[in-house]
């Protein structure tokens, strides 16, 4: 983290010098590098989370299990309704 922060500080210094010199190409490159170091810092501090989100609600396995549960509860209508309602709540459908 300290090294990335130091790198970011150095990049900002280069940006200032490039702007003062009127070197737009160098300034643009420094801006690009500054953005990259900001992004890296955000990832390292957890401000950007790139982990994939997995939702089981739409998976074929979950659909099969849900049907099996509700089918098994068919002889017990009150329990079937209660479990069905709870499954909808857990799945975020209500």
PDB file of N, CA and C in Angstrom:
ATOM      1  N   UNK A   1       0.829  -1.184   0.000  1.00  0.00           N
ATOM      2  CA  UNK A   1       0.000   0.000   0.000  1.00  0.00           C
ATOM      3  C   UNK A   1       0.878   1.255   0.000  1.00  0.00           C
ATOM      4  N   UNK A   2       1.894   1.237   0.838  1.00  0.00           N
ATOM      5  CA  UNK A   2       2.762   2.413   0.910  1.00  0.00           C
ATOM      6  C   UNK A   2       3.453   2.672  -0.427  1.00  0.00           C
ATOM      7  N   UNK A   3       3.867   1.592  -1.075  1.00  0.00           N
ATOM      8  CA  UNK A   3       4.534   1.740  -2.366  1.00  0.00           C
ATOM      9  C   UNK A   3       3.588   2.299  -3.419  1.00  0.00           C
ATOM     10  N   UNK A   4       2.346   1.870  -3.404  1.00  0.00           N
ATOM     11  CA  UNK A   4       1.369   2.377  -4.372  1.00  0.00           C
ATOM     12  C   UNK A   4       1.093   3.850  -4.091  1.00  0.00           C
ATOM     13  N   UNK A   5       0.976   4.203  -2.821  1.00  0.00           N
ATOM     14  CA  UNK A   5       0.759   5.617  -2.470  1.00  0.00           C
ATOM     15  C   UNK A   5       1.949   6.475  -2.914  1.00  0.00           C
ATOM     16  N   UNK A   6       3.150   5.954  -2.696  1.00  0.00           N
ATOM     17  CA  UNK A   6       4.363   6.676  -3.112  1.00  0.00           C
ATOM     18  C   UNK A   6       4.381   6.830  -4.630  1.00  0.00           C
ATOM     19  N   UNK A   7       4.034   5.779  -5.327  1.00  0.00           N
ATOM     20  CA  UNK A   7       3.973   5.830  -6.781  1.00  0.00           C
ATOM     21  C   UNK A   7       2.955   6.873  -7.233  1.00  0.00           C
ATOM     22  N   UNK A   8       1.810   6.910  -6.575  1.00  0.00           N
ATOM     23  CA  UNK A   8       0.770   7.876  -6.912  1.00  0.00           C
ATOM     24  C   UNK A   8       1.274   9.312  -6.690  1.00  0.00           C
ATOM     25  N   UNK A   9       1.969   9.520  -5.605  1.00  0.00           N
ATOM     26  CA  UNK A   9       2.531  10.851  -5.319  1.00  0.00           C
ATOM     27  C   UNK A   9       3.532  11.252  -6.404  1.00  0.00           C
ATOM     28  N   UNK A  10       4.352  10.299  -6.816  1.00  0.00           N
ATOM     29  CA  UNK A  10       5.338  10.586  -7.870  1.00  0.00           C
ATOM     30  C   UNK A  10       4.649  10.913  -9.198  1.00  0.00           C
ATOM     31  N   UNK A  11       3.601  10.155  -9.514  1.00  0.00           N
ATOM     32  CA  UNK A  11       2.851  10.393 -10.752  1.00  0.00           C
ATOM     33  C   UNK A  11       2.235  11.783 -10.737  1.00  0.00           C
ATOM     34  N   UNK A  12       1.684  12.184  -9.598  1.00  0.00           N
ATOM     35  CA  UNK A  12       1.101  13.527  -9.500  1.00  0.00           C
ATOM     36  C   UNK A  12       2.170  14.606  -9.671  1.00  0.00           C
ATOM     37  N   UNK A  13       3.347  14.357  -9.155  1.00  0.00           N
ATOM     38  CA  UNK A  13       4.456  15.294  -9.344  1.00  0.00           C
ATOM     39  C   UNK A  13       4.830  15.420 -10.816  1.00  0.00           C
ATOM     40  N   UNK A  14       4.861  14.312 -11.506  1.00  0.00           N
ATOM     41  CA  UNK A  14       5.157  14.326 -12.945  1.00  0.00           C
ATOM     42  C   UNK A  14       4.069  15.072 -13.692  1.00  0.00           C
ATOM     43  N   UNK A  15       2.828  14.883 -13.294  1.00  0.00           N
ATOM     44  CA  UNK A  15       1.716  15.598 -13.926  1.00  0.00           C
ATOM     45  C   UNK A  15       1.870  17.099 -13.769  1.00  0.00           C
ATOM     46  N   UNK A  16       2.210  17.543 -12.577  1.00  0.00           N
ATOM     47  CA  UNK A  16       2.395  18.983 -12.337  1.00  0.00           C
ATOM     48  C   UNK A  16       3.513  19.522 -13.228  1.00  0.00           C
ATOM     49  N   UNK A  17       4.627  18.804 -13.284  1.00  0.00           N
ATOM     50  CA  UNK A  17       5.761  19.255 -14.105  1.00  0.00           C
ATOM     51  C   UNK A  17       5.394  19.287 -15.584  1.00  0.00           C
ATOM     52  N   UNK A  18       4.672  18.277 -16.038  1.00  0.00           N
ATOM     53  CA  UNK A  18       4.269  18.217 -17.445  1.00  0.00           C
ATOM     54  C   UNK A  18       3.330  19.376 -17.778  1.00  0.00           C
ATOM     55  N   UNK A  19       2.407  19.679 -16.878  1.00  0.00           N
ATOM     56  CA  UNK A  19       1.489  20.805 -17.110  1.00  0.00           C
ATOM     57  C   UNK A  19       2.239  22.129 -17.117  1.00  0.00           C
ATOM     58  N   UNK A  20       3.170  22.280 -16.194  1.00  0.00           N
ATOM     59  CA  UNK A  20       3.959  23.515 -16.134  1.00  0.00           C
ATOM     60  C   UNK A  20       4.785  23.704 -17.405  1.00  0.00           C
ATOM     61  N   UNK A  21       5.267  22.584 -17.966  1.00  0.00           N
ATOM     62  CA  UNK A  21       6.078  22.651 -19.181  1.00  0.00           C
ATOM     63  C   UNK A  21       5.211  22.747 -20.432  1.00  0.00           C
ATOM     64  N   UNK A  22       3.905  22.612 -20.272  1.00  0.00           N
ATOM     65  CA  UNK A  22       3.010  22.650 -21.428  1.00  0.00           C
ATOM     66  C   UNK A  22       3.091  21.397 -22.273  1.00  0.00           C
ATOM     67  N   UNK A  23       3.592  20.334 -21.687  1.00  0.00           N
ATOM     68  CA  UNK A  23       3.726  19.063 -22.409  1.00  0.00           C
ATOM     69  C   UNK A  23       2.432  18.269 -22.245  1.00  0.00           C
ATOM     70  N   UNK A  24       1.507  18.460 -23.174  1.00  0.00           N
ATOM     71  CA  UNK A  24       0.201  17.830 -23.067  1.00  0.00           C
ATOM     72  C   UNK A  24       0.266  16.312 -23.180  1.00  0.00           C
ATOM     73  N   UNK A  25       1.179  15.825 -23.997  1.00  0.00           N
ATOM     74  CA  UNK A  25       1.309  14.371 -24.143  1.00  0.00           C
ATOM     75  C   UNK A  25       1.760  13.741 -22.825  1.00  0.00           C
ATOM     76  N   UNK A  26       2.753  14.332 -22.195  1.00  0.00           N
ATOM     77  CA  UNK A  26       3.228  13.814 -20.906  1.00  0.00           C
ATOM     78  C   UNK A  26       2.161  13.990 -19.830  1.00  0.00           C
ATOM     79  N   UNK A  27       1.450  15.108 -19.869  1.00  0.00           N
ATOM     80  CA  UNK A  27       0.395  15.348 -18.889  1.00  0.00           C
ATOM     81  C   UNK A  27      -0.719  14.312 -19.038  1.00  0.00           C
ATOM     82  N   UNK A  28      -1.089  14.020 -20.274  1.00  0.00           N
ATOM     83  CA  UNK A  28      -2.127  13.021 -20.520  1.00  0.00           C
ATOM     84  C   UNK A  28      -1.681  11.653 -20.021  1.00  0.00           C
ATOM     85  N   UNK A  29      -0.438  11.302 -20.249  1.00  0.00           N
ATOM     86  CA  UNK A  29       0.101  10.031 -19.754  1.00  0.00           C
ATOM     87  C   UNK A  29       0.111   9.989 -18.234  1.00  0.00           C
ATOM     88  N   UNK A  30       0.460  11.102 -17.615  1.00  0.00           N
ATOM     89  CA  UNK A  30       0.482  11.162 -16.153  1.00  0.00           C
ATOM     90  C   UNK A  30      -0.933  11.055 -15.588  1.00  0.00           C
ATOM     91  N   UNK A  31      -1.888  11.669 -16.256  1.00  0.00           N
ATOM     92  CA  UNK A  31      -3.285  11.559 -15.818  1.00  0.00           C
ATOM     93  C   UNK A  31      -3.734  10.097 -15.885  1.00  0.00           C
ATOM     94  N   UNK A  32      -3.375   9.426 -16.981  1.00  0.00           N
ATOM     95  CA  UNK A  32      -3.731   8.017 -17.152  1.00  0.00           C
ATOM     96  C   UNK A  32      -3.111   7.171 -16.033  1.00  0.00           C
ATOM     97  N   UNK A  33      -1.848   7.439 -15.723  1.00  0.00           N
ATOM     98  CA  UNK A  33      -1.176   6.685 -14.654  1.00  0.00           C
ATOM     99  C   UNK A  33      -1.774   7.016 -13.289  1.00  0.00           C
ATOM    100  N   UNK A  34      -2.143   8.278 -13.081  1.00  0.00           N
ATOM    101  CA  UNK A  34      -2.766   8.661 -11.808  1.00  0.00           C
ATOM    102  C   UNK A  34      -4.089   7.918 -11.628  1.00  0.00           C
ATOM    103  N   UNK A  35      -4.859   7.849 -12.705  1.00  0.00           N
ATOM    104  CA  UNK A  35      -6.119   7.119 -12.646  1.00  0.00           C
ATOM    105  C   UNK A  35      -5.870   5.652 -12.305  1.00  0.00           C
ATOM    106  N   UNK A  36      -4.855   5.067 -12.902  1.00  0.00           N
ATOM    107  CA  UNK A  36      -4.535   3.663 -12.640  1.00  0.00           C
ATOM    108  C   UNK A  36      -4.128   3.438 -11.191  1.00  0.00           C
ATOM    109  N   UNK A  37      -3.337   4.352 -10.644  1.00  0.00           N
ATOM    110  CA  UNK A  37      -2.920   4.178  -9.245  1.00  0.00           C
ATOM    111  C   UNK A  37      -4.094   4.406  -8.298  1.00  0.00           C
ATOM    112  N   UNK A  38      -5.005   5.322  -8.635  1.00  0.00           N
ATOM    113  CA  UNK A  38      -6.199   5.523  -7.816  1.00  0.00           C
ATOM    114  C   UNK A  38      -7.048   4.256  -7.832  1.00  0.00           C
ATOM    115  N   UNK A  39      -7.208   3.669  -9.002  1.00  0.00           N
ATOM    116  CA  UNK A  39      -7.986   2.435  -9.128  1.00  0.00           C
ATOM    117  C   UNK A  39      -7.348   1.306  -8.328  1.00  0.00           C
ATOM    118  N   UNK A  40      -6.035   1.181  -8.403  1.00  0.00           N
ATOM    119  CA  UNK A  40      -5.331   0.147  -7.662  1.00  0.00           C
ATOM    120  C   UNK A  40      -5.500   0.349  -6.161  1.00  0.00           C
ATOM    121  N   UNK A  41      -5.371   1.587  -5.699  1.00  0.00           N
ATOM    122  CA  UNK A  41      -5.565   1.878  -4.277  1.00  0.00           C
ATOM    123  C   UNK A  41      -6.988   1.524  -3.841  1.00  0.00           C
ATOM    124  N   UNK A  42      -7.964   1.849  -4.668  1.00  0.00           N
ATOM    125  CA  UNK A  42      -9.360   1.539  -4.340  1.00  0.00           C
ATOM    126  C   UNK A  42      -9.570   0.026  -4.240  1.00  0.00           C
ATOM    127  N   UNK A  43      -8.940  -0.726  -5.119  1.00  0.00           N
ATOM    128  CA  UNK A  43      -9.056  -2.182  -5.061  1.00  0.00           C
ATOM    129  C   UNK A  43      -8.393  -2.722  -3.790  1.00  0.00           C
ATOM    130  N   UNK A  44      -7.216  -2.202  -3.480  1.00  0.00           N
ATOM    131  CA  UNK A  44      -6.482  -2.683  -2.312  1.00  0.00           C
ATOM    132  C   UNK A  44      -7.181  -2.344  -1.004  1.00  0.00           C
ATOM    133  N   UNK A  45      -7.903  -1.229  -0.971  1.00  0.00           N
ATOM    134  CA  UNK A  45      -8.598  -0.828   0.251  1.00  0.00           C
ATOM    135  C   UNK A  45     -10.026  -1.359   0.317  1.00  0.00           C
ATOM    136  N   UNK A  46     -10.449  -2.094  -0.720  1.00  0.00           N
ATOM    137  CA  UNK A  46     -11.773  -2.681  -0.718  1.00  0.00           C
ATOM    138  C   UNK A  46     -12.875  -1.756  -1.202  1.00  0.00           C
ATOM    139  N   UNK A  47     -12.523  -0.585  -1.717  1.00  0.00           N
ATOM    140  CA  UNK A  47     -13.536   0.335  -2.234  1.00  0.00           C
ATOM    141  C   UNK A  47     -14.080  -0.143  -3.571  1.00  0.00           C
ATOM    142  N   UNK A  48     -13.287  -0.938  -4.269  1.00  0.00           N
ATOM    143  CA  UNK A  48     -13.733  -1.574  -5.506  1.00  0.00           C
ATOM    144  C   UNK A  48     -13.628  -3.077  -5.278  1.00  0.00           C
ATOM    145  N   UNK A  49     -14.731  -3.759  -5.462  1.00  0.00           N
ATOM    146  CA  UNK A  49     -14.769  -5.202  -5.258  1.00  0.00           C
ATOM    147  C   UNK A  49     -15.091  -5.855  -6.600  1.00  0.00           C
ATOM    148  N   UNK A  50     -14.135  -6.575  -7.143  1.00  0.00           N
ATOM    149  CA  UNK A  50     -14.317  -7.206  -8.448  1.00  0.00           C
ATOM    150  C   UNK A  50     -14.684  -8.682  -8.347  1.00  0.00           C
ATOM    151  N   UNK A  51     -14.949  -9.144  -7.129  1.00  0.00           N
ATOM    152  CA  UNK A  51     -15.336 -10.550  -6.999  1.00  0.00           C
ATOM    153  C   UNK A  51     -16.695 -10.745  -7.664  1.00  0.00           C
ATOM    154  N   UNK A  52     -16.851 -11.843  -8.364  1.00  0.00           N
ATOM    155  CA  UNK A  52     -18.147 -12.088  -9.005  1.00  0.00           C
ATOM    156  C   UNK A  52     -19.217 -12.385  -7.961  1.00  0.00           C
ATOM    157  N   UNK A  53     -20.406 -11.896  -8.223  1.00  0.00           N
ATOM    158  CA  UNK A  53     -21.537 -12.200  -7.351  1.00  0.00           C
ATOM    159  C   UNK A  53     -22.256 -13.419  -7.919  1.00  0.00           C
ATOM    160  N   UNK A  54     -22.551 -14.338  -7.039  1.00  0.00           N
ATOM    161  CA  UNK A  54     -23.211 -15.566  -7.456  1.00  0.00           C
ATOM    162  C   UNK A  54     -24.606 -15.591  -6.847  1.00  0.00           C
ATOM    163  N   UNK A  55     -25.596 -15.772  -7.681  1.00  0.00           N
ATOM    164  CA  UNK A  55     -26.972 -15.884  -7.217  1.00  0.00           C
ATOM    165  C   UNK A  55     -27.468 -17.289  -7.507  1.00  0.00           C
ATOM    166  N   UNK A  56     -27.835 -17.986  -6.441  1.00  0.00           N
ATOM    167  CA  UNK A  56     -28.324 -19.348  -6.653  1.00  0.00           C
ATOM    168  C   UNK A  56     -29.785 -19.373  -7.077  1.00  0.00           C
ATOM    169  N   UNK A  57     -30.454 -18.241  -6.950  1.00  0.00           N
ATOM    170  CA  UNK A  57     -31.891 -18.191  -7.214  1.00  0.00           C
ATOM    171  C   UNK A  57     -32.237 -18.658  -8.626  1.00  0.00           C
ATOM    172  N   UNK A  58     -31.389 -18.364  -9.582  1.00  0.00           N
ATOM    173  CA  UNK A  58     -31.682 -18.729 -10.966  1.00  0.00           C
ATOM    174  C   UNK A  58     -31.000 -20.013 -11.420  1.00  0.00           C
ATOM    175  N   UNK A  59     -30.251 -20.637 -10.522  1.00  0.00           N
ATOM    176  CA  UNK A  59     -29.536 -21.851 -10.928  1.00  0.00           C
ATOM    177  C   UNK A  59     -30.509 -23.012 -11.105  1.00  0.00           C
ATOM    178  N   UNK A  60     -30.256 -23.859 -12.079  1.00  0.00           N
ATOM    179  CA  UNK A  60     -31.126 -25.022 -12.304  1.00  0.00           C
ATOM    180  C   UNK A  60     -31.200 -25.930 -11.081  1.00  0.00           C
ATOM    181  N   UNK A  61     -30.085 -26.042 -10.352  1.00  0.00           N
ATOM    182  CA  UNK A  61     -30.076 -26.900  -9.162  1.00  0.00           C
ATOM    183  C   UNK A  61     -31.053 -26.364  -8.108  1.00  0.00           C
ATOM    184  N   UNK A  62     -31.039 -25.047  -7.890  1.00  0.00           N
ATOM    185  CA  UNK A  62     -31.939 -24.468  -6.902  1.00  0.00           C
ATOM    186  C   UNK A  62     -33.395 -24.648  -7.336  1.00  0.00           C
ATOM    187  N   UNK A  63     -33.681 -24.458  -8.609  1.00  0.00           N
ATOM    188  CA  UNK A  63     -35.050 -24.620  -9.091  1.00  0.00           C
ATOM    189  C   UNK A  63     -35.537 -26.054  -8.852  1.00  0.00           C
ATOM    190  N   UNK A  64     -34.663 -27.022  -9.060  1.00  0.00           N
ATOM    191  CA  UNK A  64     -35.005 -28.428  -8.833  1.00  0.00           C
ATOM    192  C   UNK A  64     -35.274 -28.677  -7.348  1.00  0.00           C
ATOM    193  N   UNK A  65     -34.424 -28.143  -6.497  1.00  0.00           N
ATOM    194  CA  UNK A  65     -34.591 -28.318  -5.046  1.00  0.00           C
ATOM    195  C   UNK A  65     -35.881 -27.654  -4.572  1.00  0.00           C
ATOM    196  N   UNK A  66     -36.138 -26.449  -5.066  1.00  0.00           N
ATOM    197  CA  UNK A  66     -37.349 -25.725  -4.667  1.00  0.00           C
ATOM    198  C   UNK A  66     -38.606 -26.516  -5.039  1.00  0.00           C
ATOM    199  N   UNK A  67     -38.639 -27.048  -6.251  1.00  0.00           N
ATOM    200  CA  UNK A  67     -39.786 -27.849  -6.688  1.00  0.00           C
ATOM    201  C   UNK A  67     -39.922 -29.093  -5.807  1.00  0.00           C
ATOM    202  N   UNK A  68     -38.802 -29.730  -5.495  1.00  0.00           N
ATOM    203  CA  UNK A  68     -38.838 -30.941  -4.666  1.00  0.00           C
ATOM    204  C   UNK A  68     -39.386 -30.632  -3.275  1.00  0.00           C
ATOM    205  N   UNK A  69     -38.963 -29.535  -2.698  1.00  0.00           N
ATOM    206  CA  UNK A  69     -39.450 -29.148  -1.363  1.00  0.00           C
ATOM    207  C   UNK A  69     -40.956 -28.903  -1.395  1.00  0.00           C
ATOM    208  N   UNK A  70     -41.388 -28.103  -2.367  1.00  0.00           N
ATOM    209  CA  UNK A  70     -42.814 -27.786  -2.441  1.00  0.00           C
ATOM    210  C   UNK A  70     -43.656 -29.018  -2.780  1.00  0.00           C
ATOM    211  N   UNK A  71     -43.130 -29.901  -3.613  1.00  0.00           N
ATOM    212  CA  UNK A  71     -43.846 -31.147  -3.918  1.00  0.00           C
ATOM    213  C   UNK A  71     -43.976 -32.017  -2.668  1.00  0.00           C
ATOM    214  N   UNK A  72     -42.908 -32.110  -1.888  1.00  0.00           N
ATOM    215  CA  UNK A  72     -42.936 -32.932  -0.670  1.00  0.00           C
ATOM    216  C   UNK A  72     -43.927 -32.373   0.347  1.00  0.00           C
ATOM    217  N   UNK A  73     -44.138 -31.084   0.300  1.00  0.00           N
ATOM    218  CA  UNK A  73     -45.061 -30.448   1.249  1.00  0.00           C
ATOM    219  C   UNK A  73     -46.500 -30.384   0.746  1.00  0.00           C
ATOM    220  N   UNK A  74     -46.756 -30.939  -0.424  1.00  0.00           N
ATOM    221  CA  UNK A  74     -48.100 -30.854  -1.001  1.00  0.00           C
ATOM    222  C   UNK A  74     -49.189 -31.418  -0.085  1.00  0.00           C
ATOM    223  N   UNK A  75     -48.927 -32.507   0.643  1.00  0.00           N
ATOM    224  CA  UNK A  75     -49.965 -33.021   1.547  1.00  0.00           C
ATOM    225  C   UNK A  75     -50.216 -32.115   2.761  1.00  0.00           C
ATOM    226  N   UNK A  76     -49.356 -31.103   2.931  1.00  0.00           N
ATOM    227  CA  UNK A  76     -49.456 -30.218   4.089  1.00  0.00           C
ATOM    228  C   UNK A  76     -49.596 -28.765   3.598  1.00  0.00           C
ATOM    229  N   UNK A  77     -50.792 -28.365   3.163  1.00  0.00           N
ATOM    230  CA  UNK A  77     -50.979 -27.078   2.504  1.00  0.00           C
ATOM    231  C   UNK A  77     -50.508 -25.873   3.310  1.00  0.00           C
ATOM    232  N   UNK A  78     -50.745 -25.873   4.616  1.00  0.00           N
ATOM    233  CA  UNK A  78     -50.319 -24.725   5.423  1.00  0.00           C
ATOM    234  C   UNK A  78     -48.791 -24.644   5.469  1.00  0.00           C
ATOM    235  N   UNK A  79     -48.147 -25.789   5.659  1.00  0.00           N
ATOM    236  CA  UNK A  79     -46.680 -25.818   5.692  1.00  0.00           C
ATOM    237  C   UNK A  79     -46.121 -25.452   4.319  1.00  0.00           C
ATOM    238  N   UNK A  80     -46.752 -25.953   3.281  1.00  0.00           N
ATOM    239  CA  UNK A  80     -46.299 -25.656   1.906  1.00  0.00           C
ATOM    240  C   UNK A  80     -46.370 -24.165   1.637  1.00  0.00           C
ATOM    241  N   UNK A  81     -47.465 -23.552   2.053  1.00  0.00           N
ATOM    242  CA  UNK A  81     -47.621 -22.109   1.855  1.00  0.00           C
ATOM    243  C   UNK A  81     -46.574 -21.335   2.653  1.00  0.00           C
ATOM    244  N   UNK A  82     -46.381 -21.735   3.921  1.00  0.00           N
ATOM    245  CA  UNK A  82     -45.413 -21.044   4.777  1.00  0.00           C
ATOM    246  C   UNK A  82     -43.995 -21.171   4.219  1.00  0.00           C
ATOM    247  N   UNK A  83     -43.634 -22.363   3.807  1.00  0.00           N
ATOM    248  CA  UNK A  83     -42.290 -22.574   3.238  1.00  0.00           C
ATOM    249  C   UNK A  83     -42.147 -21.811   1.923  1.00  0.00           C
ATOM    250  N   UNK A  84     -43.165 -21.861   1.073  1.00  0.00           N
ATOM    251  CA  UNK A  84     -43.117 -21.119  -0.192  1.00  0.00           C
ATOM    252  C   UNK A  84     -42.943 -19.635   0.025  1.00  0.00           C
ATOM    253  N   UNK A  85     -43.699 -19.079   0.983  1.00  0.00           N
ATOM    254  CA  UNK A  85     -43.564 -17.648   1.302  1.00  0.00           C
ATOM    255  C   UNK A  85     -42.164 -17.322   1.800  1.00  0.00           C
ATOM    256  N   UNK A  86     -41.638 -18.187   2.656  1.00  0.00           N
ATOM    257  CA  UNK A  86     -40.299 -17.955   3.214  1.00  0.00           C
ATOM    258  C   UNK A  86     -39.234 -18.047   2.126  1.00  0.00           C
ATOM    259  N   UNK A  87     -39.379 -18.989   1.224  1.00  0.00           N
ATOM    260  CA  UNK A  87     -38.417 -19.114   0.127  1.00  0.00           C
ATOM    261  C   UNK A  87     -38.434 -17.869  -0.752  1.00  0.00           C
ATOM    262  N   UNK A  88     -39.615 -17.328  -0.982  1.00  0.00           N
ATOM    263  CA  UNK A  88     -39.702 -16.096  -1.777  1.00  0.00           C
ATOM    264  C   UNK A  88     -38.997 -14.942  -1.052  1.00  0.00           C
ATOM    265  N   UNK A  89     -39.165 -14.878   0.259  1.00  0.00           N
ATOM    266  CA  UNK A  89     -38.519 -13.822   1.036  1.00  0.00           C
ATOM    267  C   UNK A  89     -37.004 -13.954   0.980  1.00  0.00           C
ATOM    268  N   UNK A  90     -36.522 -15.167   1.176  1.00  0.00           N
ATOM    269  CA  UNK A  90     -35.077 -15.414   1.147  1.00  0.00           C
ATOM    270  C   UNK A  90     -34.501 -15.108  -0.224  1.00  0.00           C
ATOM    271  N   UNK A  91     -35.237 -15.429  -1.261  1.00  0.00           N
ATOM    272  CA  UNK A  91     -34.769 -15.200  -2.626  1.00  0.00           C
ATOM    273  C   UNK A  91     -34.864 -13.739  -3.030  1.00  0.00           C
ATOM    274  N   UNK A  92     -35.480 -12.916  -2.181  1.00  0.00           N
ATOM    275  CA  UNK A  92     -35.588 -11.498  -2.501  1.00  0.00           C
ATOM    276  C   UNK A  92     -36.695 -11.188  -3.478  1.00  0.00           C
ATOM    277  N   UNK A  93     -37.623 -12.105  -3.658  1.00  0.00           N
ATOM    278  CA  UNK A  93     -38.695 -11.908  -4.635  1.00  0.00           C
ATOM    279  C   UNK A  93     -39.858 -11.108  -4.076  1.00  0.00           C
ATOM    280  N   UNK A  94     -39.873 -10.868  -2.750  1.00  0.00           N
ATOM    281  CA  UNK A  94     -40.963 -10.076  -2.178  1.00  0.00           C
ATOM    282  C   UNK A  94     -40.445  -8.797  -1.583  1.00  0.00           C
TER     283      UNK A  94
END
